[in-house]
N, C-alpha and C. Protein backbone atom coordinates (compact mmCIF):
# COMPACT_ATOMS: atom_id res chain seq x y z
N UNK A 1 145.69 136.12 79.34
CA UNK A 1 146.13 135.06 80.23
C UNK A 1 147.30 134.33 79.59
N UNK A 2 148.26 133.95 80.42
CA UNK A 2 149.45 133.28 79.92
C UNK A 2 149.15 131.81 79.64
N UNK A 3 149.94 131.24 78.74
CA UNK A 3 149.78 129.82 78.41
C UNK A 3 150.29 128.96 79.56
N UNK A 4 149.86 127.70 79.57
CA UNK A 4 150.27 126.78 80.64
C UNK A 4 151.78 126.63 80.67
N UNK A 5 152.41 126.55 79.50
CA UNK A 5 153.85 126.37 79.45
C UNK A 5 154.60 127.59 79.95
N UNK A 6 153.97 128.77 79.92
CA UNK A 6 154.60 129.97 80.43
C UNK A 6 154.47 130.09 81.95
N UNK A 7 153.49 129.44 82.53
CA UNK A 7 153.25 129.54 83.98
C UNK A 7 154.04 128.48 84.73
N UNK A 8 153.83 127.20 84.39
CA UNK A 8 154.50 126.10 85.07
C UNK A 8 155.82 125.80 84.34
N UNK A 9 156.93 125.88 85.06
CA UNK A 9 158.23 125.60 84.45
C UNK A 9 158.57 124.12 84.61
N UNK A 10 158.50 123.61 85.86
CA UNK A 10 158.78 122.20 86.10
C UNK A 10 158.25 121.82 87.48
N UNK A 11 158.00 120.53 87.71
CA UNK A 11 157.60 120.10 89.05
C UNK A 11 158.82 119.98 89.95
N UNK A 12 158.63 120.25 91.23
CA UNK A 12 159.69 120.07 92.22
C UNK A 12 159.57 118.67 92.81
N UNK A 13 160.62 117.91 92.70
CA UNK A 13 160.60 116.55 93.23
C UNK A 13 161.78 116.41 94.19
N UNK A 14 161.49 116.61 95.47
CA UNK A 14 162.48 116.47 96.53
C UNK A 14 161.92 115.55 97.60
N UNK A 15 162.76 115.13 98.52
CA UNK A 15 162.29 114.25 99.58
C UNK A 15 161.26 114.96 100.47
N UNK A 16 161.51 116.23 100.76
CA UNK A 16 160.60 116.97 101.63
C UNK A 16 159.22 117.15 100.98
N UNK A 17 159.19 117.48 99.71
CA UNK A 17 157.91 117.66 99.02
C UNK A 17 157.21 116.32 98.80
N UNK A 18 157.98 115.25 98.57
CA UNK A 18 157.37 113.93 98.42
C UNK A 18 156.70 113.49 99.72
N UNK A 19 157.34 113.75 100.85
CA UNK A 19 156.74 113.43 102.14
C UNK A 19 155.50 114.29 102.39
N UNK A 20 155.55 115.55 101.97
CA UNK A 20 154.41 116.45 102.14
C UNK A 20 153.24 116.03 101.25
N UNK A 21 153.55 115.51 100.06
CA UNK A 21 152.47 115.06 99.18
C UNK A 21 151.80 113.80 99.73
N UNK A 22 152.57 112.94 100.37
CA UNK A 22 151.97 111.76 100.98
C UNK A 22 151.12 112.12 102.20
N UNK A 23 151.58 113.06 103.01
CA UNK A 23 150.89 113.39 104.25
C UNK A 23 149.73 114.36 104.05
N UNK A 24 149.92 115.41 103.22
CA UNK A 24 148.93 116.48 103.13
C UNK A 24 148.39 116.72 101.72
N UNK A 25 148.75 115.87 100.77
CA UNK A 25 148.27 115.98 99.38
C UNK A 25 148.69 117.31 98.74
N UNK A 26 149.98 117.71 98.99
CA UNK A 26 150.54 118.94 98.41
C UNK A 26 151.64 118.58 97.43
N UNK A 27 151.72 119.34 96.35
CA UNK A 27 152.73 119.13 95.32
C UNK A 27 153.42 120.45 95.04
N UNK A 28 154.70 120.37 94.67
CA UNK A 28 155.49 121.57 94.44
C UNK A 28 155.81 121.77 92.97
N UNK A 29 155.84 123.02 92.55
CA UNK A 29 156.16 123.38 91.17
C UNK A 29 157.04 124.61 91.17
N UNK A 30 157.97 124.68 90.21
CA UNK A 30 158.68 125.92 89.92
C UNK A 30 157.85 126.65 88.89
N UNK A 31 157.48 127.89 89.19
CA UNK A 31 156.61 128.65 88.30
C UNK A 31 157.30 129.95 87.90
N UNK A 32 156.72 130.63 86.96
CA UNK A 32 157.25 131.91 86.49
C UNK A 32 157.19 132.94 87.61
N UNK A 33 158.18 133.83 87.64
CA UNK A 33 158.20 134.88 88.67
C UNK A 33 157.01 135.83 88.55
N UNK A 34 156.45 135.97 87.37
CA UNK A 34 155.34 136.89 87.15
C UNK A 34 153.97 136.25 87.33
N UNK A 35 153.93 134.94 87.56
CA UNK A 35 152.64 134.23 87.67
C UNK A 35 152.01 134.51 89.03
N UNK A 36 150.69 134.72 89.03
CA UNK A 36 149.98 134.88 90.30
C UNK A 36 149.26 133.58 90.64
N UNK A 37 148.59 133.57 91.80
CA UNK A 37 147.97 132.33 92.28
C UNK A 37 146.83 131.87 91.39
N UNK A 38 146.07 132.78 90.83
CA UNK A 38 144.97 132.39 89.94
C UNK A 38 145.49 131.73 88.67
N UNK A 39 146.56 132.28 88.09
CA UNK A 39 147.15 131.67 86.89
C UNK A 39 147.72 130.30 87.20
N UNK A 40 148.37 130.15 88.36
CA UNK A 40 148.94 128.85 88.75
C UNK A 40 147.82 127.83 88.94
N UNK A 41 146.73 128.24 89.60
CA UNK A 41 145.60 127.34 89.84
C UNK A 41 144.99 126.88 88.51
N UNK A 42 144.75 127.80 87.60
CA UNK A 42 144.17 127.45 86.31
C UNK A 42 145.09 126.54 85.51
N UNK A 43 146.39 126.80 85.55
CA UNK A 43 147.34 125.98 84.80
C UNK A 43 147.41 124.56 85.34
N UNK A 44 147.46 124.40 86.66
CA UNK A 44 147.54 123.06 87.26
C UNK A 44 146.24 122.30 87.03
N UNK A 45 145.11 122.96 87.20
CA UNK A 45 143.82 122.28 87.00
C UNK A 45 143.63 121.83 85.56
N UNK A 46 144.03 122.65 84.61
CA UNK A 46 143.83 122.26 83.22
C UNK A 46 144.86 121.24 82.74
N UNK A 47 146.09 121.33 83.21
CA UNK A 47 147.14 120.44 82.72
C UNK A 47 147.03 119.05 83.35
N UNK A 48 146.77 118.97 84.66
CA UNK A 48 146.73 117.69 85.36
C UNK A 48 145.31 117.18 85.61
N UNK A 49 144.28 117.95 85.29
CA UNK A 49 142.87 117.56 85.45
C UNK A 49 142.56 117.19 86.90
N UNK A 50 142.88 118.10 87.83
CA UNK A 50 142.63 117.92 89.25
C UNK A 50 141.95 119.18 89.79
N UNK A 51 141.47 119.12 91.02
CA UNK A 51 140.84 120.26 91.69
C UNK A 51 141.81 120.81 92.73
N UNK A 52 142.20 122.08 92.60
CA UNK A 52 143.13 122.72 93.52
C UNK A 52 142.35 123.39 94.64
N UNK A 53 142.77 123.14 95.89
CA UNK A 53 142.11 123.71 97.05
C UNK A 53 142.84 124.97 97.53
N UNK A 54 144.17 124.90 97.65
CA UNK A 54 144.94 126.03 98.17
C UNK A 54 146.30 126.09 97.49
N UNK A 55 146.87 127.29 97.46
CA UNK A 55 148.19 127.50 96.87
C UNK A 55 149.00 128.40 97.79
N UNK A 56 150.24 128.02 98.02
CA UNK A 56 151.20 128.86 98.73
C UNK A 56 152.37 129.11 97.80
N UNK A 57 152.81 130.36 97.73
CA UNK A 57 153.93 130.70 96.85
C UNK A 57 155.05 131.33 97.66
N UNK A 58 156.28 131.19 97.15
CA UNK A 58 157.45 131.80 97.77
C UNK A 58 158.46 132.11 96.69
N UNK A 59 159.07 133.29 96.78
CA UNK A 59 160.14 133.65 95.87
C UNK A 59 161.45 133.34 96.57
N UNK A 60 162.24 132.46 95.96
CA UNK A 60 163.51 132.05 96.52
C UNK A 60 164.60 132.91 95.90
N UNK A 61 165.32 133.71 96.71
CA UNK A 61 166.34 134.58 96.12
C UNK A 61 167.53 133.79 95.61
N UNK A 62 168.18 134.33 94.59
CA UNK A 62 169.34 133.67 94.00
C UNK A 62 170.53 133.70 94.94
N UNK A 63 171.29 132.63 94.95
CA UNK A 63 172.47 132.53 95.82
C UNK A 63 173.70 133.04 95.08
N UNK A 64 174.70 133.46 95.84
CA UNK A 64 175.98 133.86 95.27
C UNK A 64 176.94 132.70 95.39
N UNK A 65 177.50 132.26 94.29
CA UNK A 65 178.45 131.15 94.26
C UNK A 65 179.83 131.70 93.96
N UNK A 66 180.82 131.24 94.71
CA UNK A 66 182.19 131.70 94.49
C UNK A 66 182.96 130.69 93.65
N UNK A 67 183.70 131.22 92.71
CA UNK A 67 184.65 130.41 91.96
C UNK A 67 186.05 130.85 92.39
N UNK A 68 187.07 130.37 91.72
CA UNK A 68 188.43 130.68 92.14
C UNK A 68 188.76 132.17 92.03
N UNK A 69 188.29 132.83 90.98
CA UNK A 69 188.65 134.23 90.78
C UNK A 69 187.49 135.21 90.88
N UNK A 70 186.28 134.73 90.78
CA UNK A 70 185.14 135.64 90.78
C UNK A 70 183.95 134.99 91.48
N UNK A 71 182.86 135.71 91.54
CA UNK A 71 181.64 135.17 92.11
C UNK A 71 180.50 135.36 91.11
N UNK A 72 179.56 134.45 91.15
CA UNK A 72 178.41 134.48 90.25
C UNK A 72 177.14 134.46 91.08
N UNK A 73 176.12 135.13 90.59
CA UNK A 73 174.82 135.12 91.26
C UNK A 73 173.87 134.27 90.45
N UNK A 74 173.27 133.27 91.10
CA UNK A 74 172.27 132.43 90.45
C UNK A 74 170.94 133.16 90.41
N UNK A 75 170.10 132.80 89.49
CA UNK A 75 168.81 133.46 89.31
C UNK A 75 167.84 133.11 90.44
N UNK A 76 166.98 134.05 90.74
CA UNK A 76 165.89 133.80 91.69
C UNK A 76 164.81 132.99 90.98
N UNK A 77 164.00 132.27 91.76
CA UNK A 77 162.88 131.54 91.19
C UNK A 77 161.71 131.55 92.16
N UNK A 78 160.56 131.22 91.64
CA UNK A 78 159.34 131.19 92.45
C UNK A 78 158.84 129.77 92.51
N UNK A 79 158.52 129.32 93.73
CA UNK A 79 157.95 127.98 93.86
C UNK A 79 156.55 128.08 94.42
N UNK A 80 155.72 127.13 94.02
CA UNK A 80 154.34 127.10 94.45
C UNK A 80 154.04 125.73 95.04
N UNK A 81 153.45 125.71 96.23
CA UNK A 81 152.97 124.48 96.85
C UNK A 81 151.46 124.44 96.64
N UNK A 82 151.02 123.44 95.91
CA UNK A 82 149.62 123.32 95.50
C UNK A 82 148.98 122.17 96.27
N UNK A 83 147.90 122.47 97.00
CA UNK A 83 147.17 121.43 97.73
C UNK A 83 145.95 121.05 96.92
N UNK A 84 145.79 119.74 96.73
CA UNK A 84 144.69 119.21 95.93
C UNK A 84 143.53 118.80 96.82
N UNK A 85 142.38 118.60 96.21
CA UNK A 85 141.19 118.14 96.93
C UNK A 85 141.41 116.71 97.42
N UNK A 86 140.63 116.33 98.41
CA UNK A 86 140.75 114.99 99.00
C UNK A 86 140.50 113.91 97.96
N UNK A 87 141.37 112.92 97.90
CA UNK A 87 141.19 111.79 96.99
C UNK A 87 141.80 111.98 95.62
N UNK A 88 142.38 113.14 95.33
CA UNK A 88 143.01 113.36 94.03
C UNK A 88 144.52 113.38 94.19
N UNK A 89 145.22 113.00 93.12
CA UNK A 89 146.68 113.02 93.17
C UNK A 89 147.24 113.22 91.77
N UNK A 90 148.51 113.61 91.74
CA UNK A 90 149.22 113.81 90.48
C UNK A 90 150.33 112.76 90.40
N UNK A 91 150.40 112.07 89.29
CA UNK A 91 151.46 111.07 89.09
C UNK A 91 152.46 111.63 88.10
N UNK A 92 153.65 111.97 88.59
CA UNK A 92 154.69 112.51 87.73
C UNK A 92 155.39 111.40 86.94
N UNK A 93 155.48 110.21 87.53
CA UNK A 93 156.21 109.11 86.90
C UNK A 93 155.26 107.97 86.59
N UNK A 94 154.49 108.10 85.53
CA UNK A 94 153.57 107.04 85.13
C UNK A 94 154.35 106.01 84.31
N UNK A 95 154.18 104.75 84.61
CA UNK A 95 154.78 103.68 83.86
C UNK A 95 156.24 103.40 84.16
N UNK A 96 156.75 103.95 85.26
CA UNK A 96 158.16 103.67 85.60
C UNK A 96 158.19 102.64 86.70
């Protein structure tokens, strides 16, 4: 089994995910491309000490960016939307 730091890369903090966390108790994370749902569930439960109910994953393909003389391809990444049990929440910004 992979370590927690190898599975979860960073939390996703956008307006859309913040609204979704308020309405449906879902949180977003950027995870490793090789991580499966069971590894993501175990990593979130152990790191944040919460109960995970459901997970949705999506692989976002890398975009092509043009510069003046050439084009570059950005890396693909995998995001996971994690729904927590009723009454639980994750605080990313404690003490701010």
